[in-house]
C-alpha cells in the first residue's frame, strides 16, 4: 500500500523558505534577541536540533526498533537544556547548520521505503515527517520579529 507523501512537497517549500531567509539575513539579524533569551540563530538551531532528532531516530526505525512517544511535558525542558549550546554557536554557523540539517532530513524522509514509512506514521507526532510544520511556525516568528 502506498502512503501519502505530500509531506515531501511541504517540507521542500519550507526548506527553501528557510534557505532564502538565511541567505538574506545579516549577522546582526541572526544575533537579534527574541523572547525568552533566544536569538534568531538559536531558533534556527532549535529547528536543526529537532530535525537532527528525526535523522537520529530513523535508522532505529529502519531496524524495526520501537520509537516511543515524546511526552509533551518534556519538550520545554529539552528546549531549555539545548538553548545554552545553541546560543554558544556563532550565529552564521548556526544558520548554515540549520539549512544543512534541513536538507539532510528532507532527503532522508523523502526516500523512506514503504515499510519504514508505515512504521514512522504509526509512531505519530513524536516522529513527524512533516518537518514543514515546525519550520513554518518558527520562520513566521522570525519574520514577524524582524518585520520582514
N, C-alpha and C. Protein backbone atom coordinates (compact mmCIF):
# COMPACT_ATOMS: atom_id res chain seq x y z
N UNK A 1 0.82 -1.17 0.00
CA UNK A 1 0.00 0.00 0.00
C UNK A 1 0.88 1.25 0.00
N UNK A 2 0.65 2.15 -0.92
CA UNK A 2 1.40 3.39 -1.00
C UNK A 2 0.83 4.40 -0.01
N UNK A 3 1.70 5.03 0.73
CA UNK A 3 1.30 6.02 1.73
C UNK A 3 1.37 7.43 1.15
N UNK A 4 0.62 8.31 1.75
CA UNK A 4 0.62 9.72 1.37
C UNK A 4 2.01 10.32 1.61
N UNK A 5 2.59 10.88 0.58
CA UNK A 5 3.90 11.51 0.70
C UNK A 5 3.83 13.01 0.40
N UNK A 6 2.67 13.60 0.66
CA UNK A 6 2.50 15.03 0.41
C UNK A 6 3.43 15.86 1.30
N UNK A 7 3.91 15.27 2.37
CA UNK A 7 4.83 15.97 3.25
C UNK A 7 6.11 16.38 2.52
N UNK A 8 6.46 15.66 1.46
CA UNK A 8 7.71 15.96 0.74
C UNK A 8 7.64 17.36 0.13
N UNK A 9 6.56 17.67 -0.56
CA UNK A 9 6.41 19.00 -1.17
C UNK A 9 6.34 20.09 -0.11
N UNK A 10 5.62 19.83 0.98
CA UNK A 10 5.53 20.81 2.06
C UNK A 10 6.90 21.07 2.68
N UNK A 11 7.64 19.99 2.95
CA UNK A 11 8.98 20.14 3.51
C UNK A 11 9.88 20.93 2.57
N UNK A 12 9.81 20.61 1.28
CA UNK A 12 10.64 21.30 0.29
C UNK A 12 10.34 22.79 0.28
N UNK A 13 9.06 23.14 0.31
CA UNK A 13 8.67 24.55 0.29
C UNK A 13 9.25 25.30 1.49
N UNK A 14 9.08 24.75 2.69
CA UNK A 14 9.56 25.44 3.90
C UNK A 14 11.08 25.39 4.00
N UNK A 15 11.71 24.34 3.48
CA UNK A 15 13.17 24.28 3.47
C UNK A 15 13.74 25.37 2.56
N UNK A 16 13.11 25.56 1.41
CA UNK A 16 13.56 26.64 0.51
C UNK A 16 13.33 28.00 1.15
N UNK A 17 12.24 28.13 1.85
CA UNK A 17 11.96 29.38 2.58
C UNK A 17 13.05 29.62 3.62
N UNK A 18 13.41 28.58 4.38
CA UNK A 18 14.48 28.67 5.37
C UNK A 18 15.79 29.10 4.72
N UNK A 19 16.13 28.45 3.64
CA UNK A 19 17.38 28.75 2.95
C UNK A 19 17.42 30.18 2.44
N UNK A 20 16.32 30.64 1.86
CA UNK A 20 16.24 32.01 1.35
C UNK A 20 16.34 33.02 2.50
N UNK A 21 15.70 32.71 3.61
CA UNK A 21 15.75 33.61 4.77
C UNK A 21 17.17 33.71 5.30
N UNK A 22 17.83 32.59 5.48
CA UNK A 22 19.20 32.58 5.98
C UNK A 22 20.12 33.36 5.04
N UNK A 23 19.92 33.22 3.74
CA UNK A 23 20.77 33.90 2.76
C UNK A 23 20.62 35.42 2.85
N UNK A 24 19.44 35.91 3.21
CA UNK A 24 19.24 37.36 3.22
C UNK A 24 19.46 38.01 4.58
N UNK A 25 19.53 37.21 5.65
CA UNK A 25 19.72 37.79 6.98
C UNK A 25 21.17 38.20 7.20
N UNK A 26 21.34 39.37 7.80
CA UNK A 26 22.68 39.83 8.16
C UNK A 26 23.12 39.11 9.44
N UNK A 27 24.39 39.24 9.77
CA UNK A 27 24.86 38.67 11.02
C UNK A 27 24.16 39.34 12.20
N UNK A 28 23.86 40.63 12.07
CA UNK A 28 23.11 41.34 13.11
C UNK A 28 21.71 40.79 13.28
N UNK A 29 21.06 40.48 12.15
CA UNK A 29 19.73 39.88 12.22
C UNK A 29 19.78 38.54 12.94
N UNK A 30 20.78 37.74 12.63
CA UNK A 30 20.89 36.42 13.25
C UNK A 30 21.14 36.51 14.75
N UNK A 31 21.81 37.56 15.18
CA UNK A 31 22.12 37.74 16.60
C UNK A 31 21.00 38.46 17.35
N UNK A 32 19.98 38.87 16.65
CA UNK A 32 18.87 39.63 17.26
C UNK A 32 18.20 38.81 18.36
N UNK A 33 17.97 39.44 19.49
CA UNK A 33 17.34 38.79 20.63
C UNK A 33 15.84 38.66 20.40
N UNK A 34 15.33 37.49 20.74
CA UNK A 34 13.91 37.18 20.69
C UNK A 34 13.43 36.90 22.11
N UNK A 35 12.13 36.70 22.31
CA UNK A 35 11.64 36.42 23.66
C UNK A 35 12.31 35.20 24.31
N UNK A 36 12.32 35.20 25.62
CA UNK A 36 12.81 34.10 26.46
C UNK A 36 14.30 33.84 26.30
N UNK A 37 15.06 34.85 25.85
CA UNK A 37 16.50 34.71 25.76
C UNK A 37 17.01 34.00 24.52
N UNK A 38 16.14 33.75 23.58
CA UNK A 38 16.55 33.14 22.32
C UNK A 38 17.07 34.23 21.39
N UNK A 39 17.82 33.83 20.38
CA UNK A 39 18.18 34.72 19.28
C UNK A 39 17.62 34.09 18.01
N UNK A 40 17.64 34.87 16.93
CA UNK A 40 17.18 34.32 15.65
C UNK A 40 18.00 33.07 15.31
N UNK A 41 19.31 33.15 15.44
CA UNK A 41 20.16 31.99 15.12
C UNK A 41 19.87 30.80 16.02
N UNK A 42 19.63 31.05 17.30
CA UNK A 42 19.33 29.95 18.22
C UNK A 42 18.00 29.29 17.87
N UNK A 43 17.02 30.07 17.43
CA UNK A 43 15.75 29.48 16.98
C UNK A 43 15.99 28.62 15.75
N UNK A 44 16.85 29.06 14.85
CA UNK A 44 17.20 28.23 13.69
C UNK A 44 17.91 26.96 14.16
N UNK A 45 18.74 27.10 15.19
CA UNK A 45 19.39 25.93 15.78
C UNK A 45 18.40 24.98 16.43
N UNK A 46 17.37 25.54 17.02
CA UNK A 46 16.29 24.74 17.59
C UNK A 46 15.63 23.90 16.49
N UNK A 47 15.38 24.52 15.34
CA UNK A 47 14.84 23.75 14.21
C UNK A 47 15.80 22.63 13.83
N UNK A 48 17.08 22.97 13.75
CA UNK A 48 18.09 21.97 13.38
C UNK A 48 18.13 20.82 14.39
N UNK A 49 18.04 21.15 15.67
CA UNK A 49 18.05 20.12 16.72
C UNK A 49 16.93 19.11 16.51
N UNK A 50 15.70 19.61 16.30
CA UNK A 50 14.56 18.70 16.17
C UNK A 50 14.58 17.97 14.83
N UNK A 51 15.13 18.59 13.77
CA UNK A 51 15.32 17.87 12.51
C UNK A 51 16.37 16.77 12.68
N UNK A 52 17.45 17.09 13.39
CA UNK A 52 18.51 16.10 13.62
C UNK A 52 17.99 14.93 14.45
N UNK A 53 17.07 15.19 15.34
CA UNK A 53 16.46 14.12 16.13
C UNK A 53 15.81 13.10 15.21
N UNK A 54 15.13 13.57 14.18
CA UNK A 54 14.50 12.65 13.23
C UNK A 54 15.57 11.84 12.51
N UNK A 55 16.64 12.50 12.09
CA UNK A 55 17.75 11.80 11.43
C UNK A 55 18.31 10.71 12.34
N UNK A 56 18.44 11.01 13.62
CA UNK A 56 18.98 10.05 14.57
C UNK A 56 18.03 8.88 14.84
N UNK A 57 16.73 9.13 14.81
CA UNK A 57 15.76 8.08 15.12
C UNK A 57 15.43 7.17 13.93
N UNK A 58 15.52 7.68 12.73
CA UNK A 58 15.10 6.87 11.57
C UNK A 58 15.89 5.57 11.40
N UNK A 59 17.20 5.54 11.62
CA UNK A 59 17.90 4.25 11.50
C UNK A 59 17.37 3.20 12.48
N UNK A 60 17.00 3.64 13.67
CA UNK A 60 16.42 2.71 14.64
C UNK A 60 15.10 2.16 14.12
N UNK A 61 14.31 3.04 13.54
CA UNK A 61 13.03 2.64 12.98
C UNK A 61 13.24 1.68 11.81
N UNK A 62 14.24 1.96 10.99
CA UNK A 62 14.54 1.09 9.84
C UNK A 62 14.96 -0.31 10.29
N UNK A 63 15.57 -0.40 11.47
CA UNK A 63 15.97 -1.71 12.03
C UNK A 63 14.80 -2.41 12.71
N UNK A 64 13.65 -1.74 12.74
CA UNK A 64 12.47 -2.35 13.35
C UNK A 64 12.32 -2.08 14.83
N UNK A 65 13.16 -1.20 15.38
CA UNK A 65 13.04 -0.86 16.80
C UNK A 65 11.80 0.00 17.01
N UNK A 66 11.30 -0.04 18.21
CA UNK A 66 10.14 0.76 18.58
C UNK A 66 10.60 2.14 19.03
N UNK A 67 9.92 3.14 18.54
CA UNK A 67 10.17 4.52 18.97
C UNK A 67 8.96 4.96 19.78
N UNK A 68 9.18 5.28 21.02
CA UNK A 68 8.08 5.68 21.88
C UNK A 68 7.70 7.14 21.66
N UNK A 69 6.55 7.50 22.14
CA UNK A 69 6.12 8.89 22.00
C UNK A 69 6.97 9.80 22.88
N UNK A 70 7.08 11.04 22.49
CA UNK A 70 7.74 12.03 23.33
C UNK A 70 6.65 12.69 24.17
N UNK A 71 6.92 12.82 25.43
CA UNK A 71 5.94 13.43 26.33
C UNK A 71 5.94 14.93 26.10
N UNK A 72 4.79 15.50 25.88
CA UNK A 72 4.66 16.94 25.63
C UNK A 72 5.29 17.75 26.76
N UNK A 73 5.18 17.25 27.98
CA UNK A 73 5.74 17.97 29.13
C UNK A 73 7.27 18.02 29.09
N UNK A 74 7.89 17.13 28.32
CA UNK A 74 9.35 17.09 28.23
C UNK A 74 9.91 18.06 27.20
N UNK A 75 9.09 18.52 26.27
CA UNK A 75 9.59 19.37 25.20
C UNK A 75 10.21 20.65 25.73
N UNK A 76 9.58 21.29 26.71
CA UNK A 76 10.11 22.55 27.23
C UNK A 76 11.48 22.37 27.88
N UNK A 77 11.64 21.35 28.71
CA UNK A 77 12.94 21.19 29.36
C UNK A 77 14.02 20.78 28.36
N UNK A 78 13.64 20.02 27.33
CA UNK A 78 14.61 19.66 26.29
C UNK A 78 15.07 20.94 25.57
N UNK A 79 14.12 21.79 25.19
CA UNK A 79 14.47 23.04 24.54
C UNK A 79 15.32 23.92 25.46
N UNK A 80 14.95 24.00 26.72
CA UNK A 80 15.71 24.81 27.67
C UNK A 80 17.13 24.26 27.86
N UNK A 81 17.27 22.95 27.87
CA UNK A 81 18.59 22.34 28.03
C UNK A 81 19.48 22.59 26.81
N UNK A 82 18.88 22.61 25.63
CA UNK A 82 19.65 22.82 24.40
C UNK A 82 20.01 24.29 24.18
N UNK A 83 19.21 25.20 24.71
CA UNK A 83 19.37 26.62 24.41
C UNK A 83 20.78 27.17 24.66
N UNK A 84 21.43 26.90 25.80
CA UNK A 84 22.77 27.46 26.00
C UNK A 84 23.78 27.02 24.94
N UNK A 85 23.66 25.79 24.49
CA UNK A 85 24.57 25.30 23.45
C UNK A 85 24.27 25.96 22.11
N UNK A 86 22.99 26.13 21.82
CA UNK A 86 22.61 26.78 20.56
C UNK A 86 23.05 28.24 20.55
N UNK A 87 22.98 28.90 21.70
CA UNK A 87 23.43 30.29 21.80
C UNK A 87 24.96 30.41 21.71
N UNK A 88 25.68 29.36 22.06
CA UNK A 88 27.15 29.40 22.05
C UNK A 88 27.74 29.25 20.64
N UNK A 89 26.98 28.74 19.72
CA UNK A 89 27.47 28.55 18.35
C UNK A 89 27.38 29.89 17.62
N UNK A 90 28.44 30.26 16.89
CA UNK A 90 28.38 31.53 16.15
C UNK A 90 27.12 31.59 15.27
N UNK A 91 26.42 32.72 15.31
CA UNK A 91 25.12 32.81 14.62
C UNK A 91 25.13 32.39 13.15
N UNK A 92 26.10 32.84 12.38
CA UNK A 92 26.12 32.48 10.96
C UNK A 92 26.30 30.97 10.81
N UNK A 93 27.18 30.39 11.61
CA UNK A 93 27.41 28.94 11.55
C UNK A 93 26.15 28.19 11.92
N UNK A 94 25.44 28.68 12.94
CA UNK A 94 24.19 28.02 13.37
C UNK A 94 23.17 28.05 12.25
N UNK A 95 23.05 29.20 11.58
CA UNK A 95 22.09 29.33 10.48
C UNK A 95 22.44 28.39 9.33
N UNK A 96 23.71 28.31 9.00
CA UNK A 96 24.16 27.41 7.93
C UNK A 96 23.89 25.95 8.30
N UNK A 97 24.12 25.63 9.55
CA UNK A 97 23.88 24.27 10.03
C UNK A 97 22.39 23.93 9.96
N UNK A 98 21.54 24.88 10.29
CA UNK A 98 20.09 24.65 10.20
C UNK A 98 19.68 24.30 8.78
N UNK A 99 20.24 25.00 7.81
CA UNK A 99 19.92 24.71 6.40
C UNK A 99 20.47 23.34 6.01
N UNK A 100 21.70 23.04 6.39
CA UNK A 100 22.30 21.75 6.03
C UNK A 100 21.53 20.58 6.64
N UNK A 101 21.12 20.71 7.88
CA UNK A 101 20.37 19.63 8.53
C UNK A 101 18.98 19.51 7.92
N UNK A 102 18.36 20.64 7.58
CA UNK A 102 17.05 20.58 6.90
C UNK A 102 17.18 19.85 5.57
N UNK A 103 18.24 20.13 4.83
CA UNK A 103 18.48 19.41 3.57
C UNK A 103 18.60 17.91 3.83
N UNK A 104 19.38 17.55 4.84
CA UNK A 104 19.62 16.14 5.13
C UNK A 104 18.36 15.41 5.59
N UNK A 105 17.60 16.02 6.48
CA UNK A 105 16.40 15.33 6.97
C UNK A 105 15.36 15.23 5.87
N UNK A 106 15.22 16.27 5.06
CA UNK A 106 14.23 16.21 3.99
C UNK A 106 14.59 15.13 2.98
N UNK A 107 15.87 15.00 2.68
CA UNK A 107 16.29 13.93 1.77
C UNK A 107 15.98 12.57 2.37
N UNK A 108 16.26 12.43 3.65
CA UNK A 108 16.03 11.14 4.33
C UNK A 108 14.55 10.78 4.37
N UNK A 109 13.70 11.71 4.76
CA UNK A 109 12.28 11.37 4.89
C UNK A 109 11.61 11.23 3.53
N UNK A 110 12.18 11.84 2.50
CA UNK A 110 11.61 11.72 1.15
C UNK A 110 11.90 10.37 0.52
N UNK A 111 12.93 9.70 1.00
CA UNK A 111 13.36 8.45 0.38
C UNK A 111 13.10 7.21 1.23
N UNK A 112 12.26 7.35 2.25
CA UNK A 112 11.95 6.19 3.09
C UNK A 112 11.23 5.12 2.29
N UNK A 113 11.59 3.88 2.55
CA UNK A 113 10.86 2.77 1.97
C UNK A 113 9.47 2.69 2.59
N UNK A 114 8.59 1.99 1.91
CA UNK A 114 7.20 1.91 2.37
C UNK A 114 7.08 1.32 3.78
N UNK A 115 7.85 0.29 4.09
CA UNK A 115 7.75 -0.34 5.41
C UNK A 115 8.18 0.63 6.51
N UNK A 116 9.29 1.33 6.29
CA UNK A 116 9.76 2.30 7.28
C UNK A 116 8.80 3.46 7.40
N UNK A 117 8.26 3.90 6.26
CA UNK A 117 7.28 4.98 6.29
C UNK A 117 6.06 4.58 7.11
N UNK A 118 5.60 3.36 6.93
CA UNK A 118 4.45 2.88 7.70
C UNK A 118 4.76 2.88 9.19
N UNK A 119 5.97 2.43 9.57
CA UNK A 119 6.36 2.43 10.98
C UNK A 119 6.46 3.86 11.52
N UNK A 120 6.99 4.79 10.71
CA UNK A 120 7.10 6.18 11.14
C UNK A 120 5.73 6.79 11.36
N UNK A 121 4.82 6.54 10.45
CA UNK A 121 3.47 7.08 10.58
C UNK A 121 2.76 6.50 11.80
N UNK A 122 3.06 5.26 12.12
CA UNK A 122 2.44 4.62 13.29
C UNK A 122 2.92 5.24 14.60
N UNK A 123 4.15 5.79 14.60
CA UNK A 123 4.66 6.43 15.81
C UNK A 123 3.85 7.69 16.12
N UNK A 124 3.43 8.36 15.08
CA UNK A 124 2.61 9.57 15.27
C UNK A 124 3.44 10.83 15.38
N UNK A 125 2.92 11.83 16.07
CA UNK A 125 3.57 13.15 16.12
C UNK A 125 4.99 13.14 16.68
N UNK A 126 5.34 12.17 17.48
CA UNK A 126 6.69 12.11 18.05
C UNK A 126 7.76 11.88 16.99
N UNK A 127 7.36 11.45 15.82
CA UNK A 127 8.29 11.22 14.72
C UNK A 127 7.71 11.81 13.45
N UNK A 128 7.37 13.08 13.53
CA UNK A 128 6.70 13.74 12.41
C UNK A 128 7.64 13.91 11.22
N UNK A 129 7.21 13.38 10.10
CA UNK A 129 7.97 13.54 8.86
C UNK A 129 7.64 14.87 8.20
N UNK A 130 6.59 15.52 8.67
CA UNK A 130 6.19 16.84 8.15
C UNK A 130 7.02 17.91 8.86
N UNK A 131 8.27 18.01 8.47
CA UNK A 131 9.18 18.97 9.08
C UNK A 131 8.73 20.40 8.79
N UNK A 132 7.94 20.56 7.74
CA UNK A 132 7.46 21.88 7.32
C UNK A 132 6.66 22.56 8.42
N UNK A 133 5.88 21.82 9.16
CA UNK A 133 5.02 22.44 10.18
C UNK A 133 5.83 23.19 11.23
N UNK A 134 6.87 22.55 11.73
CA UNK A 134 7.71 23.15 12.75
C UNK A 134 8.48 24.34 12.17
N UNK A 135 9.01 24.16 10.97
CA UNK A 135 9.73 25.26 10.32
C UNK A 135 8.82 26.46 10.11
N UNK A 136 7.63 26.21 9.60
CA UNK A 136 6.70 27.31 9.30
C UNK A 136 6.43 28.14 10.55
N UNK A 137 6.18 27.48 11.66
CA UNK A 137 5.91 28.19 12.91
C UNK A 137 7.04 29.14 13.27
N UNK A 138 8.27 28.64 13.22
CA UNK A 138 9.40 29.45 13.66
C UNK A 138 9.85 30.44 12.60
N UNK A 139 9.72 30.11 11.33
CA UNK A 139 10.06 31.09 10.30
C UNK A 139 9.08 32.26 10.35
N UNK A 140 7.82 31.97 10.58
CA UNK A 140 6.83 33.05 10.75
C UNK A 140 7.22 33.94 11.94
N UNK A 141 7.61 33.30 13.03
CA UNK A 141 8.01 34.03 14.24
C UNK A 141 9.20 34.95 13.95
N UNK A 142 10.20 34.43 13.25
CA UNK A 142 11.39 35.21 12.93
C UNK A 142 11.04 36.38 12.01
N UNK A 143 10.23 36.11 11.00
CA UNK A 143 9.86 37.17 10.06
C UNK A 143 9.05 38.27 10.76
N UNK A 144 8.19 37.90 11.69
CA UNK A 144 7.45 38.91 12.45
C UNK A 144 8.41 39.74 13.30
N UNK A 145 9.33 39.07 13.98
CA UNK A 145 10.27 39.78 14.86
C UNK A 145 11.17 40.75 14.08
N UNK A 146 11.55 40.35 12.89
CA UNK A 146 12.43 41.19 12.07
C UNK A 146 11.65 42.11 11.13
N UNK A 147 10.31 42.01 11.21
CA UNK A 147 9.42 42.81 10.37
C UNK A 147 9.75 42.65 8.89
N UNK A 148 9.89 41.40 8.47
CA UNK A 148 10.17 41.09 7.06
C UNK A 148 8.89 40.88 6.28
